[in-house]
Structures are given as C-alpha cells and as structure tokens.
C-alpha cells in the first residue's frame, strides 16, 4: 500500500469515528426521549446498534491494516511522513477509545 492509500485509510478512520459519534448521539437522544413506564405507540426498526457495531468493526479493521502497513513498509516511507501518519493514527485510536465502544457495543 502506498503513502496515498495510508492517507485514504486515515480519512476512512476519521469518517468512521464521526459516524460512530453521530450514532452514539442519536442513541442518547432516543433514550432521553423515551418515556419510562409507557410503551411506544408504535415501533419502527432501529438499526443504530447494528450500524454502530459495523462502524466500530470497520474502524478496528482499518486501523489494524494501517498498523500492518506501517510495520511492513515503514522503512520505505520517509521518516517525517511516517511520524505524521503514526501520530494521526494514534490520535484517532485515542478518540475511539474514549467513546468506550468496546463496552457499549456489548450492551446493545
């Protein structure tokens, strides 16, 4: 995978992270609007939990691939570029960890 593909992978991680945040916000809004003790007058299919798990899986898979590429081909990537890529990757992974998705996905 070339440098441009690594940048595309990081953009994909960023998009996945934004979507996960949106899905979490939607879930919190939905929960805050629920009226305890009252069943809803109708129920529609809600794919939020599935979408969140899918995005989280995609995020983890893409991050794993980027780590592998940086490990295997790191020597062929100029050091300043490699360091920038590694910092961006670490920042995105930290943001994802702060969402506590590994636990939340188990709760849904």
N, C-alpha and C. Protein backbone atom coordinates (compact mmCIF):
# COMPACT_ATOMS: atom_id res chain seq x y z
N UNK A 1 0.85 -1.17 0.00
CA UNK A 1 0.00 0.00 0.00
C UNK A 1 0.89 1.23 0.00
N UNK A 2 0.58 2.18 -0.84
CA UNK A 2 1.39 3.38 -0.95
C UNK A 2 0.95 4.42 0.06
N UNK A 3 1.77 5.48 0.14
CA UNK A 3 1.50 6.58 1.05
C UNK A 3 0.10 7.15 0.88
N UNK A 4 -0.33 7.33 -0.36
CA UNK A 4 -1.65 7.90 -0.62
C UNK A 4 -2.75 7.01 -0.04
N UNK A 5 -2.55 5.70 -0.10
CA UNK A 5 -3.53 4.78 0.45
C UNK A 5 -3.58 4.88 1.98
N UNK A 6 -2.45 5.15 2.59
CA UNK A 6 -2.43 5.34 4.04
C UNK A 6 -3.23 6.58 4.42
N UNK A 7 -3.08 7.64 3.64
CA UNK A 7 -3.86 8.85 3.89
C UNK A 7 -5.35 8.57 3.70
N UNK A 8 -5.69 7.82 2.68
CA UNK A 8 -7.08 7.44 2.45
C UNK A 8 -7.61 6.60 3.61
N UNK A 9 -6.77 5.70 4.10
CA UNK A 9 -7.16 4.89 5.26
C UNK A 9 -7.42 5.74 6.49
N UNK A 10 -6.59 6.75 6.71
CA UNK A 10 -6.79 7.64 7.85
C UNK A 10 -8.06 8.47 7.67
N UNK A 11 -8.34 8.88 6.45
CA UNK A 11 -9.60 9.61 6.20
C UNK A 11 -10.79 8.70 6.47
N UNK A 12 -10.67 7.45 6.09
CA UNK A 12 -11.74 6.48 6.35
C UNK A 12 -11.95 6.30 7.85
N UNK A 13 -10.85 6.24 8.61
CA UNK A 13 -10.96 6.14 10.07
C UNK A 13 -11.65 7.36 10.64
N UNK A 14 -11.28 8.53 10.14
CA UNK A 14 -11.89 9.77 10.62
C UNK A 14 -13.39 9.80 10.33
N UNK A 15 -13.77 9.37 9.13
CA UNK A 15 -15.19 9.32 8.77
C UNK A 15 -15.93 8.31 9.65
N UNK A 16 -15.33 7.16 9.88
CA UNK A 16 -15.96 6.15 10.75
C UNK A 16 -16.13 6.69 12.16
N UNK A 17 -15.12 7.37 12.66
CA UNK A 17 -15.18 7.94 14.01
C UNK A 17 -16.31 8.97 14.10
N UNK A 18 -16.43 9.83 13.10
CA UNK A 18 -17.51 10.82 13.11
C UNK A 18 -18.88 10.14 13.08
N UNK A 19 -19.00 9.10 12.26
CA UNK A 19 -20.28 8.38 12.18
C UNK A 19 -20.60 7.68 13.49
N UNK A 20 -19.60 7.11 14.15
CA UNK A 20 -19.83 6.46 15.45
C UNK A 20 -20.31 7.50 16.47
N UNK A 21 -19.71 8.67 16.46
CA UNK A 21 -20.14 9.73 17.38
C UNK A 21 -21.59 10.14 17.09
N UNK A 22 -21.93 10.23 15.81
CA UNK A 22 -23.32 10.56 15.43
C UNK A 22 -24.28 9.49 15.92
N UNK A 23 -23.92 8.23 15.73
CA UNK A 23 -24.79 7.14 16.17
C UNK A 23 -24.96 7.13 17.68
N UNK A 24 -23.89 7.39 18.40
CA UNK A 24 -23.98 7.47 19.86
C UNK A 24 -24.87 8.62 20.30
N UNK A 25 -24.74 9.76 19.64
CA UNK A 25 -25.58 10.91 19.97
C UNK A 25 -27.05 10.59 19.68
N UNK A 26 -27.32 9.93 18.56
CA UNK A 26 -28.69 9.54 18.23
C UNK A 26 -29.24 8.58 19.29
N UNK A 27 -28.45 7.61 19.70
CA UNK A 27 -28.89 6.67 20.72
C UNK A 27 -29.19 7.36 22.04
N UNK A 28 -28.37 8.33 22.41
CA UNK A 28 -28.61 9.08 23.65
C UNK A 28 -29.87 9.92 23.55
N UNK A 29 -30.09 10.55 22.40
CA UNK A 29 -31.31 11.33 22.20
C UNK A 29 -32.53 10.45 22.27
N UNK A 30 -32.45 9.31 21.59
CA UNK A 30 -33.57 8.37 21.59
C UNK A 30 -33.89 7.91 23.01
N UNK A 31 -32.85 7.63 23.77
CA UNK A 31 -33.05 7.18 25.15
C UNK A 31 -33.62 8.30 26.03
N UNK A 32 -33.17 9.52 25.82
CA UNK A 32 -33.66 10.63 26.63
C UNK A 32 -35.11 10.96 26.32
N UNK A 33 -35.55 10.64 25.10
CA UNK A 33 -36.93 10.90 24.71
C UNK A 33 -37.88 9.78 25.12
N UNK A 34 -37.34 8.65 25.47
CA UNK A 34 -38.20 7.52 25.88
C UNK A 34 -38.91 7.87 27.18
N UNK A 35 -40.16 7.49 27.26
CA UNK A 35 -40.94 7.76 28.46
C UNK A 35 -41.02 6.50 29.30
N UNK A 36 -40.39 6.52 30.47
CA UNK A 36 -40.41 5.32 31.32
C UNK A 36 -41.83 4.91 31.68
N UNK A 37 -42.06 3.64 31.63
CA UNK A 37 -43.36 3.10 32.02
C UNK A 37 -44.39 3.14 30.92
N UNK A 38 -44.10 3.81 29.84
CA UNK A 38 -45.04 3.86 28.72
C UNK A 38 -44.41 3.16 27.52
N UNK A 39 -45.18 2.26 26.95
CA UNK A 39 -44.67 1.63 25.74
C UNK A 39 -44.94 2.56 24.57
N UNK A 40 -44.07 2.55 23.60
CA UNK A 40 -44.29 3.43 22.45
C UNK A 40 -45.54 3.03 21.70
N UNK A 41 -46.20 4.00 21.08
CA UNK A 41 -47.44 3.72 20.36
C UNK A 41 -47.16 2.84 19.14
N UNK A 42 -45.98 2.94 18.59
CA UNK A 42 -45.56 2.06 17.51
C UNK A 42 -44.05 1.95 17.56
N UNK A 43 -43.54 0.89 16.99
CA UNK A 43 -42.10 0.70 16.96
C UNK A 43 -41.65 0.52 15.53
N UNK A 44 -40.59 1.21 15.19
CA UNK A 44 -40.00 1.04 13.88
C UNK A 44 -38.65 0.36 14.06
N UNK A 45 -38.20 -0.26 13.00
CA UNK A 45 -36.91 -0.92 13.06
C UNK A 45 -35.83 0.14 13.27
N UNK A 46 -34.97 -0.09 14.24
CA UNK A 46 -33.88 0.84 14.53
C UNK A 46 -32.57 0.10 14.39
N UNK A 47 -31.79 0.52 13.41
CA UNK A 47 -30.53 -0.17 13.12
C UNK A 47 -29.33 0.49 13.80
N UNK A 48 -29.56 1.37 14.76
CA UNK A 48 -28.47 2.12 15.39
C UNK A 48 -27.42 1.19 15.98
N UNK A 49 -27.83 0.21 16.74
CA UNK A 49 -26.87 -0.70 17.39
C UNK A 49 -26.06 -1.48 16.35
N UNK A 50 -26.73 -1.97 15.32
CA UNK A 50 -26.03 -2.70 14.26
C UNK A 50 -25.08 -1.78 13.50
N UNK A 51 -25.55 -0.59 13.18
CA UNK A 51 -24.71 0.37 12.47
C UNK A 51 -23.48 0.74 13.29
N UNK A 52 -23.67 0.90 14.58
CA UNK A 52 -22.55 1.24 15.46
C UNK A 52 -21.53 0.11 15.50
N UNK A 53 -22.01 -1.13 15.64
CA UNK A 53 -21.10 -2.27 15.63
C UNK A 53 -20.36 -2.39 14.30
N UNK A 54 -21.07 -2.15 13.20
CA UNK A 54 -20.44 -2.22 11.88
C UNK A 54 -19.35 -1.16 11.73
N UNK A 55 -19.64 0.06 12.14
CA UNK A 55 -18.67 1.15 12.02
C UNK A 55 -17.47 0.89 12.92
N UNK A 56 -17.72 0.38 14.11
CA UNK A 56 -16.63 0.07 15.03
C UNK A 56 -15.76 -1.04 14.47
N UNK A 57 -16.38 -2.06 13.90
CA UNK A 57 -15.62 -3.16 13.28
C UNK A 57 -14.79 -2.63 12.11
N UNK A 58 -15.38 -1.78 11.30
CA UNK A 58 -14.66 -1.19 10.18
C UNK A 58 -13.48 -0.37 10.68
N UNK A 59 -13.71 0.41 11.73
CA UNK A 59 -12.65 1.24 12.31
C UNK A 59 -11.49 0.36 12.77
N UNK A 60 -11.81 -0.69 13.54
CA UNK A 60 -10.76 -1.57 14.06
C UNK A 60 -10.01 -2.27 12.93
N UNK A 61 -10.73 -2.74 11.93
CA UNK A 61 -10.10 -3.43 10.81
C UNK A 61 -9.18 -2.50 10.03
N UNK A 62 -9.64 -1.30 9.76
CA UNK A 62 -8.83 -0.34 9.02
C UNK A 62 -7.60 0.07 9.82
N UNK A 63 -7.77 0.31 11.11
CA UNK A 63 -6.63 0.68 11.96
C UNK A 63 -5.60 -0.46 11.98
N UNK A 64 -6.08 -1.69 12.07
CA UNK A 64 -5.19 -2.85 12.07
C UNK A 64 -4.40 -2.93 10.76
N UNK A 65 -5.08 -2.69 9.65
CA UNK A 65 -4.41 -2.72 8.34
C UNK A 65 -3.35 -1.63 8.25
N UNK A 66 -3.66 -0.44 8.73
CA UNK A 66 -2.70 0.67 8.68
C UNK A 66 -1.49 0.35 9.54
N UNK A 67 -1.72 -0.20 10.73
CA UNK A 67 -0.60 -0.62 11.58
C UNK A 67 0.29 -1.62 10.84
N UNK A 68 -0.33 -2.58 10.18
CA UNK A 68 0.41 -3.59 9.45
C UNK A 68 1.25 -2.99 8.33
N UNK A 69 0.66 -2.07 7.61
CA UNK A 69 1.39 -1.43 6.51
C UNK A 69 2.55 -0.61 7.05
N UNK A 70 2.30 0.14 8.11
CA UNK A 70 3.38 0.94 8.69
C UNK A 70 4.50 0.05 9.23
N UNK A 71 4.13 -1.10 9.74
CA UNK A 71 5.14 -2.04 10.26
C UNK A 71 5.94 -2.67 9.12
N UNK A 72 5.22 -3.14 8.10
CA UNK A 72 5.89 -3.84 6.99
C UNK A 72 6.67 -2.91 6.07
N UNK A 73 6.09 -1.75 5.79
CA UNK A 73 6.67 -0.86 4.78
C UNK A 73 7.17 0.45 5.37
N UNK A 74 7.27 0.52 6.69
CA UNK A 74 7.68 1.76 7.35
C UNK A 74 9.02 2.27 6.90
N UNK A 75 9.94 1.37 6.61
CA UNK A 75 11.29 1.79 6.19
C UNK A 75 11.27 2.50 4.84
N UNK A 76 10.28 2.19 4.00
CA UNK A 76 10.22 2.82 2.69
C UNK A 76 9.45 4.15 2.70
N UNK A 77 8.86 4.48 3.83
CA UNK A 77 8.13 5.75 3.97
C UNK A 77 9.08 6.73 4.65
N UNK A 78 9.25 7.93 4.08
CA UNK A 78 10.14 8.91 4.71
C UNK A 78 9.75 9.14 6.19
N UNK A 79 10.76 9.23 7.04
CA UNK A 79 10.53 9.32 8.48
C UNK A 79 9.55 10.42 8.87
N UNK A 80 9.65 11.64 8.34
CA UNK A 80 8.70 12.68 8.75
C UNK A 80 7.26 12.32 8.39
N UNK A 81 7.08 11.73 7.22
CA UNK A 81 5.73 11.33 6.79
C UNK A 81 5.23 10.20 7.67
N UNK A 82 6.08 9.22 7.93
CA UNK A 82 5.71 8.09 8.78
C UNK A 82 5.29 8.56 10.17
N UNK A 83 6.04 9.51 10.73
CA UNK A 83 5.71 10.03 12.06
C UNK A 83 4.38 10.76 12.07
N UNK A 84 4.10 11.51 11.02
CA UNK A 84 2.81 12.21 10.92
C UNK A 84 1.68 11.19 10.85
N UNK A 85 1.86 10.16 10.03
CA UNK A 85 0.83 9.12 9.90
C UNK A 85 0.61 8.41 11.23
N UNK A 86 1.69 8.08 11.91
CA UNK A 86 1.57 7.38 13.20
C UNK A 86 0.88 8.26 14.23
N UNK A 87 1.17 9.55 14.24
CA UNK A 87 0.51 10.46 15.20
C UNK A 87 -0.98 10.58 14.90
N UNK A 88 -1.31 10.71 13.62
CA UNK A 88 -2.73 10.80 13.25
C UNK A 88 -3.47 9.53 13.63
N UNK A 89 -2.85 8.39 13.36
CA UNK A 89 -3.46 7.11 13.71
C UNK A 89 -3.66 7.00 15.21
N UNK A 90 -2.64 7.36 15.98
CA UNK A 90 -2.74 7.29 17.44
C UNK A 90 -3.84 8.22 17.96
N UNK A 91 -3.97 9.40 17.37
CA UNK A 91 -5.00 10.36 17.80
C UNK A 91 -6.40 9.80 17.53
N UNK A 92 -6.60 9.24 16.34
CA UNK A 92 -7.90 8.66 16.02
C UNK A 92 -8.24 7.48 16.91
N UNK A 93 -7.25 6.63 17.18
CA UNK A 93 -7.48 5.48 18.06
C UNK A 93 -7.79 5.95 19.48
N UNK A 94 -7.14 6.98 19.94
CA UNK A 94 -7.41 7.52 21.28
C UNK A 94 -8.84 8.05 21.36
N UNK A 95 -9.27 8.77 20.33
CA UNK A 95 -10.64 9.28 20.31
C UNK A 95 -11.65 8.13 20.33
N UNK A 96 -11.36 7.08 19.59
CA UNK A 96 -12.26 5.92 19.56
C UNK A 96 -12.30 5.24 20.93
N UNK A 97 -11.15 5.12 21.58
CA UNK A 97 -11.11 4.51 22.93
C UNK A 97 -11.95 5.33 23.91
N UNK A 98 -11.92 6.63 23.77
CA UNK A 98 -12.66 7.49 24.69
C UNK A 98 -14.17 7.31 24.54
N UNK A 99 -14.61 6.81 23.40
CA UNK A 99 -16.04 6.55 23.21
C UNK A 99 -16.49 5.30 23.95
N UNK A 100 -15.52 4.50 24.41
CA UNK A 100 -15.82 3.29 25.17
C UNK A 100 -16.72 2.33 24.38
N UNK A 101 -16.45 2.24 23.10
CA UNK A 101 -17.31 1.44 22.22
C UNK A 101 -17.22 -0.05 22.47
N UNK A 102 -16.07 -0.54 22.88
CA UNK A 102 -15.96 -1.97 23.11
C UNK A 102 -16.97 -2.42 24.17
N UNK A 103 -17.24 -1.58 25.13
CA UNK A 103 -18.22 -1.91 26.17
C UNK A 103 -19.65 -1.61 25.68
N UNK A 104 -19.82 -0.48 25.04
CA UNK A 104 -21.16 -0.08 24.58
C UNK A 104 -21.72 -1.05 23.57
N UNK A 105 -20.89 -1.56 22.68
CA UNK A 105 -21.37 -2.49 21.67
C UNK A 105 -21.88 -3.78 22.31
N UNK A 106 -21.31 -4.15 23.44
CA UNK A 106 -21.78 -5.35 24.15
C UNK A 106 -23.12 -5.11 24.84
N UNK A 107 -23.40 -3.85 25.20
CA UNK A 107 -24.63 -3.53 25.92
C UNK A 107 -25.86 -3.48 25.02
N UNK A 108 -25.67 -3.18 23.74
CA UNK A 108 -26.82 -3.01 22.85
C UNK A 108 -27.50 -4.31 22.58
